[in-house]
């Protein structure tokens, strides 16, 4: 793991802003499962401004777009739950030496 950090700030109007940063270098092919970006949120209270993952391979950077984002319920067993998760996976693309990160 290269970076795993979060910053919270409160604006003058009382809004809270969270910024998460994550980066990992895949050293072995078996560790490809760590090349996943995920952010949890509650639809009524939260809004995702940006979700920017990137995968660096052989000196090039692959950026993921809106079509790559999965948005799903955080708990399938609840009848009513507002918790959601946005996720982008680079598991299939990651190989040894790949750096994967998101903010």
PDB file of N, CA and C in Angstrom:
ATOM      1  N   UNK A   1       0.841  -1.166   0.000  1.00  0.00           N
ATOM      2  CA  UNK A   1       0.000   0.000   0.000  1.00  0.00           C
ATOM      3  C   UNK A   1       0.890   1.234   0.000  1.00  0.00           C
ATOM      4  N   UNK A   2       0.629   2.133  -0.919  1.00  0.00           N
ATOM      5  CA  UNK A   2       1.402   3.364  -1.035  1.00  0.00           C
ATOM      6  C   UNK A   2       0.728   4.516  -0.303  1.00  0.00           C
ATOM      7  N   UNK A   3      -0.580   4.635  -0.451  1.00  0.00           N
ATOM      8  CA  UNK A   3      -1.353   5.702   0.198  1.00  0.00           C
ATOM      9  C   UNK A   3      -2.698   5.136   0.636  1.00  0.00           C
ATOM     10  N   UNK A   4      -3.102   5.451   1.847  1.00  0.00           N
ATOM     11  CA  UNK A   4      -4.443   5.144   2.333  1.00  0.00           C
ATOM     12  C   UNK A   4      -4.774   6.231   3.341  1.00  0.00           C
ATOM     13  N   UNK A   5      -5.445   7.292   2.872  1.00  0.00           N
ATOM     14  CA  UNK A   5      -5.593   8.502   3.667  1.00  0.00           C
ATOM     15  C   UNK A   5      -6.979   9.096   3.455  1.00  0.00           C
ATOM     16  N   UNK A   6      -7.441   9.809   4.438  1.00  0.00           N
ATOM     17  CA  UNK A   6      -8.710  10.510   4.330  1.00  0.00           C
ATOM     18  C   UNK A   6      -8.633  11.845   5.041  1.00  0.00           C
ATOM     19  N   UNK A   7      -9.307  12.838   4.486  1.00  0.00           N
ATOM     20  CA  UNK A   7      -9.336  14.170   5.067  1.00  0.00           C
ATOM     21  C   UNK A   7     -10.785  14.620   5.177  1.00  0.00           C
ATOM     22  N   UNK A   8     -11.152  15.148   6.322  1.00  0.00           N
ATOM     23  CA  UNK A   8     -12.489  15.682   6.546  1.00  0.00           C
ATOM     24  C   UNK A   8     -12.353  17.168   6.817  1.00  0.00           C
ATOM     25  N   UNK A   9     -13.241  17.962   6.226  1.00  0.00           N
ATOM     26  CA  UNK A   9     -13.264  19.397   6.530  1.00  0.00           C
ATOM     27  C   UNK A   9     -14.720  19.845   6.633  1.00  0.00           C
ATOM     28  N   UNK A  10     -14.950  20.861   7.477  1.00  0.00           N
ATOM     29  CA  UNK A  10     -16.287  21.405   7.669  1.00  0.00           C
ATOM     30  C   UNK A  10     -16.286  22.837   7.157  1.00  0.00           C
ATOM     31  N   UNK A  11     -17.181  23.132   6.206  1.00  0.00           N
ATOM     32  CA  UNK A  11     -17.299  24.472   5.644  1.00  0.00           C
ATOM     33  C   UNK A  11     -18.028  25.388   6.624  1.00  0.00           C
ATOM     34  N   UNK A  12     -18.044  26.668   6.342  1.00  0.00           N
ATOM     35  CA  UNK A  12     -18.721  27.637   7.197  1.00  0.00           C
ATOM     36  C   UNK A  12     -20.218  27.386   7.298  1.00  0.00           C
ATOM     37  N   UNK A  13     -20.807  26.830   6.248  1.00  0.00           N
ATOM     38  CA  UNK A  13     -22.242  26.547   6.274  1.00  0.00           C
ATOM     39  C   UNK A  13     -22.572  25.206   6.925  1.00  0.00           C
ATOM     40  N   UNK A  14     -21.563  24.506   7.443  1.00  0.00           N
ATOM     41  CA  UNK A  14     -21.778  23.252   8.157  1.00  0.00           C
ATOM     42  C   UNK A  14     -21.672  22.007   7.304  1.00  0.00           C
ATOM     43  N   UNK A  15     -21.414  22.146   6.031  1.00  0.00           N
ATOM     44  CA  UNK A  15     -21.262  20.970   5.165  1.00  0.00           C
ATOM     45  C   UNK A  15     -19.917  20.309   5.412  1.00  0.00           C
ATOM     46  N   UNK A  16     -19.954  19.002   5.431  1.00  0.00           N
ATOM     47  CA  UNK A  16     -18.739  18.219   5.651  1.00  0.00           C
ATOM     48  C   UNK A  16     -18.255  17.683   4.315  1.00  0.00           C
ATOM     49  N   UNK A  17     -16.964  17.831   4.058  1.00  0.00           N
ATOM     50  CA  UNK A  17     -16.368  17.311   2.825  1.00  0.00           C
ATOM     51  C   UNK A  17     -15.326  16.269   3.201  1.00  0.00           C
ATOM     52  N   UNK A  18     -15.444  15.090   2.606  1.00  0.00           N
ATOM     53  CA  UNK A  18     -14.485  14.002   2.822  1.00  0.00           C
ATOM     54  C   UNK A  18     -13.713  13.773   1.537  1.00  0.00           C
ATOM     55  N   UNK A  19     -12.394  13.650   1.651  1.00  0.00           N
ATOM     56  CA  UNK A  19     -11.563  13.311   0.499  1.00  0.00           C
ATOM     57  C   UNK A  19     -10.740  12.087   0.889  1.00  0.00           C
ATOM     58  N   UNK A  20     -10.930  11.008   0.153  1.00  0.00           N
ATOM     59  CA  UNK A  20     -10.195   9.769   0.394  1.00  0.00           C
ATOM     60  C   UNK A  20      -9.166   9.582  -0.711  1.00  0.00           C
ATOM     61  N   UNK A  21      -7.992   9.124  -0.347  1.00  0.00           N
ATOM     62  CA  UNK A  21      -6.944   8.822  -1.325  1.00  0.00           C
ATOM     63  C   UNK A  21      -6.418   7.420  -1.043  1.00  0.00           C
ATOM     64  N   UNK A  22      -6.227   6.664  -2.108  1.00  0.00           N
ATOM     65  CA  UNK A  22      -5.770   5.271  -1.988  1.00  0.00           C
ATOM     66  C   UNK A  22      -4.893   4.954  -3.189  1.00  0.00           C
ATOM     67  N   UNK A  23      -3.757   4.336  -2.930  1.00  0.00           N
ATOM     68  CA  UNK A  23      -2.886   3.870  -4.023  1.00  0.00           C
ATOM     69  C   UNK A  23      -2.176   2.606  -3.565  1.00  0.00           C
ATOM     70  N   UNK A  24      -2.070   1.672  -4.486  1.00  0.00           N
ATOM     71  CA  UNK A  24      -1.421   0.398  -4.176  1.00  0.00           C
ATOM     72  C   UNK A  24      -0.614  -0.038  -5.393  1.00  0.00           C
ATOM     73  N   UNK A  25       0.539  -0.608  -5.139  1.00  0.00           N
ATOM     74  CA  UNK A  25       1.340  -1.212  -6.206  1.00  0.00           C
ATOM     75  C   UNK A  25       1.150  -2.723  -6.107  1.00  0.00           C
ATOM     76  N   UNK A  26       0.764  -3.323  -7.206  1.00  0.00           N
ATOM     77  CA  UNK A  26       0.549  -4.767  -7.251  1.00  0.00           C
ATOM     78  C   UNK A  26       1.906  -5.432  -7.477  1.00  0.00           C
ATOM     79  N   UNK A  27       2.385  -6.155  -6.479  1.00  0.00           N
ATOM     80  CA  UNK A  27       3.694  -6.802  -6.582  1.00  0.00           C
ATOM     81  C   UNK A  27       3.615  -8.205  -7.179  1.00  0.00           C
ATOM     82  N   UNK A  28       2.488  -8.883  -6.928  1.00  0.00           N
ATOM     83  CA  UNK A  28       2.287 -10.225  -7.485  1.00  0.00           C
ATOM     84  C   UNK A  28       0.914 -10.299  -8.128  1.00  0.00           C
ATOM     85  N   UNK A  29       0.791 -11.106  -9.115  1.00  0.00           N
ATOM     86  CA  UNK A  29      -0.477 -11.261  -9.836  1.00  0.00           C
ATOM     87  C   UNK A  29      -1.608 -11.683  -8.894  1.00  0.00           C
ATOM     88  N   UNK A  30      -1.291 -12.424  -7.857  1.00  0.00           N
ATOM     89  CA  UNK A  30      -2.304 -12.898  -6.913  1.00  0.00           C
ATOM     90  C   UNK A  30      -2.923 -11.753  -6.099  1.00  0.00           C
ATOM     91  N   UNK A  31      -2.302 -10.587  -6.099  1.00  0.00           N
ATOM     92  CA  UNK A  31      -2.787  -9.443  -5.312  1.00  0.00           C
ATOM     93  C   UNK A  31      -3.673  -8.506  -6.134  1.00  0.00           C
ATOM     94  N   UNK A  32      -4.107  -8.934  -7.302  1.00  0.00           N
ATOM     95  CA  UNK A  32      -4.923  -8.087  -8.184  1.00  0.00           C
ATOM     96  C   UNK A  32      -6.230  -7.643  -7.536  1.00  0.00           C
ATOM     97  N   UNK A  33      -6.709  -8.372  -6.549  1.00  0.00           N
ATOM     98  CA  UNK A  33      -7.953  -8.028  -5.864  1.00  0.00           C
ATOM     99  C   UNK A  33      -7.895  -6.697  -5.132  1.00  0.00           C
ATOM    100  N   UNK A  34      -6.699  -6.166  -4.923  1.00  0.00           N
ATOM    101  CA  UNK A  34      -6.559  -4.875  -4.249  1.00  0.00           C
ATOM    102  C   UNK A  34      -6.721  -3.700  -5.215  1.00  0.00           C
ATOM    103  N   UNK A  35      -6.839  -3.958  -6.481  1.00  0.00           N
ATOM    104  CA  UNK A  35      -7.007  -2.899  -7.485  1.00  0.00           C
ATOM    105  C   UNK A  35      -8.496  -2.593  -7.671  1.00  0.00           C
ATOM    106  N   UNK A  36      -9.124  -2.181  -6.588  1.00  0.00           N
ATOM    107  CA  UNK A  36     -10.547  -1.872  -6.587  1.00  0.00           C
ATOM    108  C   UNK A  36     -10.766  -0.553  -5.855  1.00  0.00           C
ATOM    109  N   UNK A  37     -11.508   0.338  -6.470  1.00  0.00           N
ATOM    110  CA  UNK A  37     -11.877   1.606  -5.832  1.00  0.00           C
ATOM    111  C   UNK A  37     -13.321   1.497  -5.387  1.00  0.00           C
ATOM    112  N   UNK A  38     -13.599   1.836  -4.136  1.00  0.00           N
ATOM    113  CA  UNK A  38     -14.978   1.806  -3.666  1.00  0.00           C
ATOM    114  C   UNK A  38     -15.211   2.916  -2.644  1.00  0.00           C
ATOM    115  N   UNK A  39     -16.369   3.535  -2.760  1.00  0.00           N
ATOM    116  CA  UNK A  39     -16.767   4.612  -1.864  1.00  0.00           C
ATOM    117  C   UNK A  39     -18.206   4.378  -1.453  1.00  0.00           C
ATOM    118  N   UNK A  40     -18.455   4.368  -0.158  1.00  0.00           N
ATOM    119  CA  UNK A  40     -19.810   4.223   0.353  1.00  0.00           C
ATOM    120  C   UNK A  40     -20.433   5.581   0.614  1.00  0.00           C
ATOM    121  N   UNK A  41     -21.734   5.665   0.430  1.00  0.00           N
ATOM    122  CA  UNK A  41     -22.433   6.929   0.675  1.00  0.00           C
ATOM    123  C   UNK A  41     -23.903   6.652   0.938  1.00  0.00           C
ATOM    124  N   UNK A  42     -24.559   7.637   1.541  1.00  0.00           N
ATOM    125  CA  UNK A  42     -26.000   7.572   1.760  1.00  0.00           C
ATOM    126  C   UNK A  42     -26.638   8.568   0.806  1.00  0.00           C
ATOM    127  N   UNK A  43     -27.491   8.091  -0.048  1.00  0.00           N
ATOM    128  CA  UNK A  43     -28.023   8.880  -1.160  1.00  0.00           C
ATOM    129  C   UNK A  43     -28.692  10.178  -0.695  1.00  0.00           C
ATOM    130  N   UNK A  44     -29.445  10.157   0.371  1.00  0.00           N
ATOM    131  CA  UNK A  44     -30.176  11.337   0.821  1.00  0.00           C
ATOM    132  C   UNK A  44     -29.227  12.399   1.375  1.00  0.00           C
ATOM    133  N   UNK A  45     -28.190  11.971   2.088  1.00  0.00           N
ATOM    134  CA  UNK A  45     -27.315  12.917   2.780  1.00  0.00           C
ATOM    135  C   UNK A  45     -26.025  13.238   2.054  1.00  0.00           C
ATOM    136  N   UNK A  46     -25.603  12.415   1.156  1.00  0.00           N
ATOM    137  CA  UNK A  46     -24.275  12.588   0.550  1.00  0.00           C
ATOM    138  C   UNK A  46     -24.373  12.742  -0.953  1.00  0.00           C
ATOM    139  N   UNK A  47     -23.341  13.351  -1.486  1.00  0.00           N
ATOM    140  CA  UNK A  47     -23.246  13.521  -2.933  1.00  0.00           C
ATOM    141  C   UNK A  47     -21.787  13.306  -3.306  1.00  0.00           C
ATOM    142  N   UNK A  48     -21.558  12.453  -4.272  1.00  0.00           N
ATOM    143  CA  UNK A  48     -20.201  12.227  -4.757  1.00  0.00           C
ATOM    144  C   UNK A  48     -19.896  13.267  -5.816  1.00  0.00           C
ATOM    145  N   UNK A  49     -18.931  14.134  -5.538  1.00  0.00           N
ATOM    146  CA  UNK A  49     -18.566  15.153  -6.517  1.00  0.00           C
ATOM    147  C   UNK A  49     -17.703  14.554  -7.613  1.00  0.00           C
ATOM    148  N   UNK A  50     -16.662  13.856  -7.223  1.00  0.00           N
ATOM    149  CA  UNK A  50     -15.781  13.218  -8.206  1.00  0.00           C
ATOM    150  C   UNK A  50     -15.372  11.848  -7.694  1.00  0.00           C
ATOM    151  N   UNK A  51     -15.059  10.990  -8.618  1.00  0.00           N
ATOM    152  CA  UNK A  51     -14.595   9.640  -8.298  1.00  0.00           C
ATOM    153  C   UNK A  51     -13.583   9.314  -9.378  1.00  0.00           C
ATOM    154  N   UNK A  52     -12.298   9.485  -9.082  1.00  0.00           N
ATOM    155  CA  UNK A  52     -11.269   9.448 -10.114  1.00  0.00           C
ATOM    156  C   UNK A  52     -10.235   8.355  -9.871  1.00  0.00           C
ATOM    157  N   UNK A  53     -10.462   7.150 -10.323  1.00  0.00           N
ATOM    158  CA  UNK A  53      -9.439   6.123 -10.245  1.00  0.00           C
ATOM    159  C   UNK A  53      -8.557   6.128 -11.496  1.00  0.00           C
ATOM    160  N   UNK A  54      -7.329   5.693 -11.334  1.00  0.00           N
ATOM    161  CA  UNK A  54      -6.409   5.571 -12.469  1.00  0.00           C
ATOM    162  C   UNK A  54      -5.536   4.345 -12.254  1.00  0.00           C
ATOM    163  N   UNK A  55      -5.161   3.727 -13.343  1.00  0.00           N
ATOM    164  CA  UNK A  55      -4.351   2.507 -13.338  1.00  0.00           C
ATOM    165  C   UNK A  55      -3.129   2.790 -14.203  1.00  0.00           C
ATOM    166  N   UNK A  56      -1.950   2.695 -13.616  1.00  0.00           N
ATOM    167  CA  UNK A  56      -0.713   3.008 -14.329  1.00  0.00           C
ATOM    168  C   UNK A  56      -0.042   1.716 -14.774  1.00  0.00           C
ATOM    169  N   UNK A  57       0.155   1.591 -16.072  1.00  0.00           N
ATOM    170  CA  UNK A  57       0.826   0.406 -16.622  1.00  0.00           C
ATOM    171  C   UNK A  57       1.863   0.832 -17.629  1.00  0.00           C
ATOM    172  N   UNK A  58       3.046   0.323 -17.471  1.00  0.00           N
ATOM    173  CA  UNK A  58       4.124   0.557 -18.442  1.00  0.00           C
ATOM    174  C   UNK A  58       4.296   2.036 -18.792  1.00  0.00           C
ATOM    175  N   UNK A  59       4.179   2.902 -17.795  1.00  0.00           N
ATOM    176  CA  UNK A  59       4.367   4.326 -18.026  1.00  0.00           C
ATOM    177  C   UNK A  59       3.164   5.042 -18.602  1.00  0.00           C
ATOM    178  N   UNK A  60       2.077   4.317 -18.869  1.00  0.00           N
ATOM    179  CA  UNK A  60       0.858   4.943 -19.363  1.00  0.00           C
ATOM    180  C   UNK A  60      -0.189   4.919 -18.250  1.00  0.00           C
ATOM    181  N   UNK A  61      -1.146   5.822 -18.328  1.00  0.00           N
ATOM    182  CA  UNK A  61      -2.196   5.894 -17.319  1.00  0.00           C
ATOM    183  C   UNK A  61      -3.538   5.611 -17.973  1.00  0.00           C
ATOM    184  N   UNK A  62      -4.264   4.664 -17.410  1.00  0.00           N
ATOM    185  CA  UNK A  62      -5.615   4.372 -17.883  1.00  0.00           C
ATOM    186  C   UNK A  62      -6.584   5.016 -16.906  1.00  0.00           C
ATOM    187  N   UNK A  63      -7.428   5.894 -17.403  1.00  0.00           N
ATOM    188  CA  UNK A  63      -8.445   6.537 -16.579  1.00  0.00           C
ATOM    189  C   UNK A  63      -9.773   5.817 -16.810  1.00  0.00           C
ATOM    190  N   UNK A  64     -10.531   5.706 -15.752  1.00  0.00           N
ATOM    191  CA  UNK A  64     -11.825   5.045 -15.828  1.00  0.00           C
ATOM    192  C   UNK A  64     -12.914   6.106 -15.898  1.00  0.00           C
ATOM    193  N   UNK A  65     -13.943   5.848 -16.684  1.00  0.00           N
ATOM    194  CA  UNK A  65     -15.029   6.798 -16.856  1.00  0.00           C
ATOM    195  C   UNK A  65     -16.310   6.353 -16.181  1.00  0.00           C
ATOM    196  N   UNK A  66     -17.383   7.099 -16.428  1.00  0.00           N
ATOM    197  CA  UNK A  66     -18.677   6.812 -15.819  1.00  0.00           C
ATOM    198  C   UNK A  66     -19.209   5.433 -16.200  1.00  0.00           C
ATOM    199  N   UNK A  67     -18.874   4.965 -17.381  1.00  0.00           N
ATOM    200  CA  UNK A  67     -19.350   3.651 -17.822  1.00  0.00           C
ATOM    201  C   UNK A  67     -18.713   2.507 -17.032  1.00  0.00           C
ATOM    202  N   UNK A  68     -17.603   2.773 -16.355  1.00  0.00           N
ATOM    203  CA  UNK A  68     -16.904   1.747 -15.583  1.00  0.00           C
ATOM    204  C   UNK A  68     -17.392   1.654 -14.139  1.00  0.00           C
ATOM    205  N   UNK A  69     -18.229   2.590 -13.708  1.00  0.00           N
ATOM    206  CA  UNK A  69     -18.670   2.669 -12.311  1.00  0.00           C
ATOM    207  C   UNK A  69     -19.871   1.759 -12.074  1.00  0.00           C
ATOM    208  N   UNK A  70     -19.777   0.926 -11.048  1.00  0.00           N
ATOM    209  CA  UNK A  70     -20.921   0.147 -10.577  1.00  0.00           C
ATOM    210  C   UNK A  70     -21.506   0.877  -9.377  1.00  0.00           C
ATOM    211  N   UNK A  71     -22.806   0.994  -9.312  1.00  0.00           N
ATOM    212  CA  UNK A  71     -23.484   1.610  -8.175  1.00  0.00           C
ATOM    213  C   UNK A  71     -24.478   0.579  -7.662  1.00  0.00           C
ATOM    214  N   UNK A  72     -24.300   0.135  -6.417  1.00  0.00           N
ATOM    215  CA  UNK A  72     -25.153  -0.922  -5.905  1.00  0.00           C
ATOM    216  C   UNK A  72     -25.483  -0.696  -4.441  1.00  0.00           C
ATOM    217  N   UNK A  73     -26.496  -1.405  -3.967  1.00  0.00           N
ATOM    218  CA  UNK A  73     -26.924  -1.312  -2.576  1.00  0.00           C
ATOM    219  C   UNK A  73     -25.838  -1.867  -1.669  1.00  0.00           C
ATOM    220  N   UNK A  74     -25.627  -1.201  -0.544  1.00  0.00           N
ATOM    221  CA  UNK A  74     -24.607  -1.641   0.405  1.00  0.00           C
ATOM    222  C   UNK A  74     -24.984  -2.926   1.123  1.00  0.00           C
ATOM    223  N   UNK A  75     -26.296  -3.210   1.251  1.00  0.00           N
ATOM    224  CA  UNK A  75     -26.748  -4.427   1.926  1.00  0.00           C
ATOM    225  C   UNK A  75     -27.977  -4.951   1.195  1.00  0.00           C
ATOM    226  N   UNK A  76     -27.843  -6.085   0.557  1.00  0.00           N
ATOM    227  CA  UNK A  76     -28.942  -6.670  -0.216  1.00  0.00           C
ATOM    228  C   UNK A  76     -30.028  -7.289   0.652  1.00  0.00           C
ATOM    229  N   UNK A  77     -29.733  -7.553   1.925  1.00  0.00           N
ATOM    230  CA  UNK A  77     -30.695  -8.234   2.786  1.00  0.00           C
ATOM    231  C   UNK A  77     -31.685  -7.296   3.467  1.00  0.00           C
ATOM    232  N   UNK A  78     -31.453  -5.987   3.404  1.00  0.00           N
ATOM    233  CA  UNK A  78     -32.376  -5.038   4.030  1.00  0.00           C
ATOM    234  C   UNK A  78     -33.547  -4.736   3.103  1.00  0.00           C
ATOM    235  N   UNK A  79     -34.725  -4.537   3.708  1.00  0.00           N
ATOM    236  CA  UNK A  79     -35.899  -4.152   2.929  1.00  0.00           C
ATOM    237  C   UNK A  79     -35.749  -2.700   2.491  1.00  0.00           C
ATOM    238  N   UNK A  80     -35.284  -1.842   3.403  1.00  0.00           N
ATOM    239  CA  UNK A  80     -35.097  -0.435   3.067  1.00  0.00           C
ATOM    240  C   UNK A  80     -33.770   0.025   3.657  1.00  0.00           C
ATOM    241  N   UNK A  81     -32.865   0.428   2.797  1.00  0.00           N
ATOM    242  CA  UNK A  81     -31.557   0.894   3.239  1.00  0.00           C
ATOM    243  C   UNK A  81     -31.038   1.876   2.196  1.00  0.00           C
ATOM    244  N   UNK A  82     -30.655   3.065   2.624  1.00  0.00           N
ATOM    245  CA  UNK A  82     -30.183   4.098   1.708  1.00  0.00           C
ATOM    246  C   UNK A  82     -28.686   4.009   1.434  1.00  0.00           C
ATOM    247  N   UNK A  83     -27.966   3.116   2.121  1.00  0.00           N
ATOM    248  CA  UNK A  83     -26.514   3.024   1.950  1.00  0.00           C
ATOM    249  C   UNK A  83     -26.190   2.440   0.573  1.00  0.00           C
ATOM    250  N   UNK A  84     -25.368   3.155  -0.199  1.00  0.00           N
ATOM    251  CA  UNK A  84     -24.980   2.747  -1.541  1.00  0.00           C
ATOM    252  C   UNK A  84     -23.454   2.667  -1.618  1.00  0.00           C
ATOM    253  N   UNK A  85     -22.955   1.967  -2.617  1.00  0.00           N
ATOM    254  CA  UNK A  85     -21.519   1.862  -2.861  1.00  0.00           C
ATOM    255  C   UNK A  85     -21.267   2.093  -4.344  1.00  0.00           C
ATOM    256  N   UNK A  86     -20.302   2.949  -4.633  1.00  0.00           N
ATOM    257  CA  UNK A  86     -19.820   3.100  -6.008  1.00  0.00           C
ATOM    258  C   UNK A  86     -18.480   2.398  -6.077  1.00  0.00           C
ATOM    259  N   UNK A  87     -18.284   1.613  -7.141  1.00  0.00           N
ATOM    260  CA  UNK A  87     -17.079   0.795  -7.245  1.00  0.00           C
ATOM    261  C   UNK A  87     -16.569   0.741  -8.674  1.00  0.00           C
ATOM    262  N   UNK A  88     -15.252   0.768  -8.794  1.00  0.00           N
ATOM    263  CA  UNK A  88     -14.578   0.531 -10.063  1.00  0.00           C
ATOM    264  C   UNK A  88     -13.512  -0.517  -9.807  1.00  0.00           C
ATOM    265  N   UNK A  89     -13.486  -1.536 -10.624  1.00  0.00           N
ATOM    266  CA  UNK A  89     -12.527  -2.621 -10.448  1.00  0.00           C
ATOM    267  C   UNK A  89     -11.553  -2.679 -11.612  1.00  0.00           C
ATOM    268  N   UNK A  90     -10.279  -2.813 -11.269  1.00  0.00           N
ATOM    269  CA  UNK A  90      -9.236  -3.019 -12.280  1.00  0.00           C
ATOM    270  C   UNK A  90      -8.586  -4.383 -12.076  1.00  0.00           C
ATOM    271  N   UNK A  91      -9.289  -5.278 -11.386  1.00  0.00           N
ATOM    272  CA  UNK A  91      -8.739  -6.609 -11.090  1.00  0.00           C
ATOM    273  C   UNK A  91      -8.314  -7.355 -12.343  1.00  0.00           C
ATOM    274  N   UNK A  92      -9.132  -7.288 -13.359  1.00  0.00           N
ATOM    275  CA  UNK A  92      -8.838  -8.048 -14.577  1.00  0.00           C
ATOM    276  C   UNK A  92      -7.669  -7.452 -15.352  1.00  0.00           C
ATOM    277  N   UNK A  93      -7.432  -6.153 -15.188  1.00  0.00           N
ATOM    278  CA  UNK A  93      -6.364  -5.473 -15.924  1.00  0.00           C
ATOM    279  C   UNK A  93      -5.045  -5.422 -15.162  1.00  0.00           C
ATOM    280  N   UNK A  94      -5.109  -5.463 -13.839  1.00  0.00           N
ATOM    281  CA  UNK A  94      -3.903  -5.292 -13.021  1.00  0.00           C
ATOM    282  C   UNK A  94      -2.978  -6.492 -13.154  1.00  0.00           C
ATOM    283  N   UNK A  95      -1.707  -6.208 -13.161  1.00  0.00           N
ATOM    284  CA  UNK A  95      -0.688  -7.253 -13.220  1.00  0.00           C
ATOM    285  C   UNK A  95       0.467  -6.808 -12.331  1.00  0.00           C
ATOM    286  N   UNK A  96       1.442  -7.641 -12.146  1.00  0.00           N
ATOM    287  CA  UNK A  96       2.597  -7.286 -11.313  1.00  0.00           C
ATOM    288  C   UNK A  96       3.245  -6.013 -11.849  1.00  0.00           C
ATOM    289  N   UNK A  97       3.503  -5.061 -10.947  1.00  0.00           N
ATOM    290  CA  UNK A  97       4.100  -3.789 -11.335  1.00  0.00           C
ATOM    291  C   UNK A  97       3.107  -2.678 -11.553  1.00  0.00           C
ATOM    292  N   UNK A  98       1.818  -2.998 -11.604  1.00  0.00           N
ATOM    293  CA  UNK A  98       0.777  -1.995 -11.807  1.00  0.00           C
ATOM    294  C   UNK A  98       0.588  -1.173 -10.533  1.00  0.00           C
ATOM    295  N   UNK A  99       0.390   0.132 -10.711  1.00  0.00           N
ATOM    296  CA  UNK A  99      -0.005   0.999  -9.606  1.00  0.00           C
ATOM    297  C   UNK A  99      -1.444   1.398  -9.857  1.00  0.00           C
ATOM    298  N   UNK A 100      -2.308   1.165  -8.854  1.00  0.00           N
ATOM    299  CA  UNK A 100      -3.711   1.529  -8.958  1.00  0.00           C
ATOM    300  C   UNK A 100      -4.040   2.484  -7.825  1.00  0.00           C
ATOM    301  N   UNK A 101      -4.752   3.553  -8.136  1.00  0.00           N
ATOM    302  CA  UNK A 101      -5.116   4.495  -7.102  1.00  0.00           C
ATOM    303  C   UNK A 101      -6.367   5.265  -7.447  1.00  0.00           C
ATOM    304  N   UNK A 102      -6.964   5.869  -6.415  1.00  0.00           N
ATOM    305  CA  UNK A 102      -8.129   6.718  -6.642  1.00  0.00           C
ATOM    306  C   UNK A 102      -8.221   7.791  -5.577  1.00  0.00           C
ATOM    307  N   UNK A 103      -8.930   8.844  -5.932  1.00  0.00           N
ATOM    308  CA  UNK A 103      -9.237   9.928  -4.992  1.00  0.00           C
ATOM    309  C   UNK A 103     -10.725  10.167  -5.049  1.00  0.00           C
TER     310      UNK A 103
END
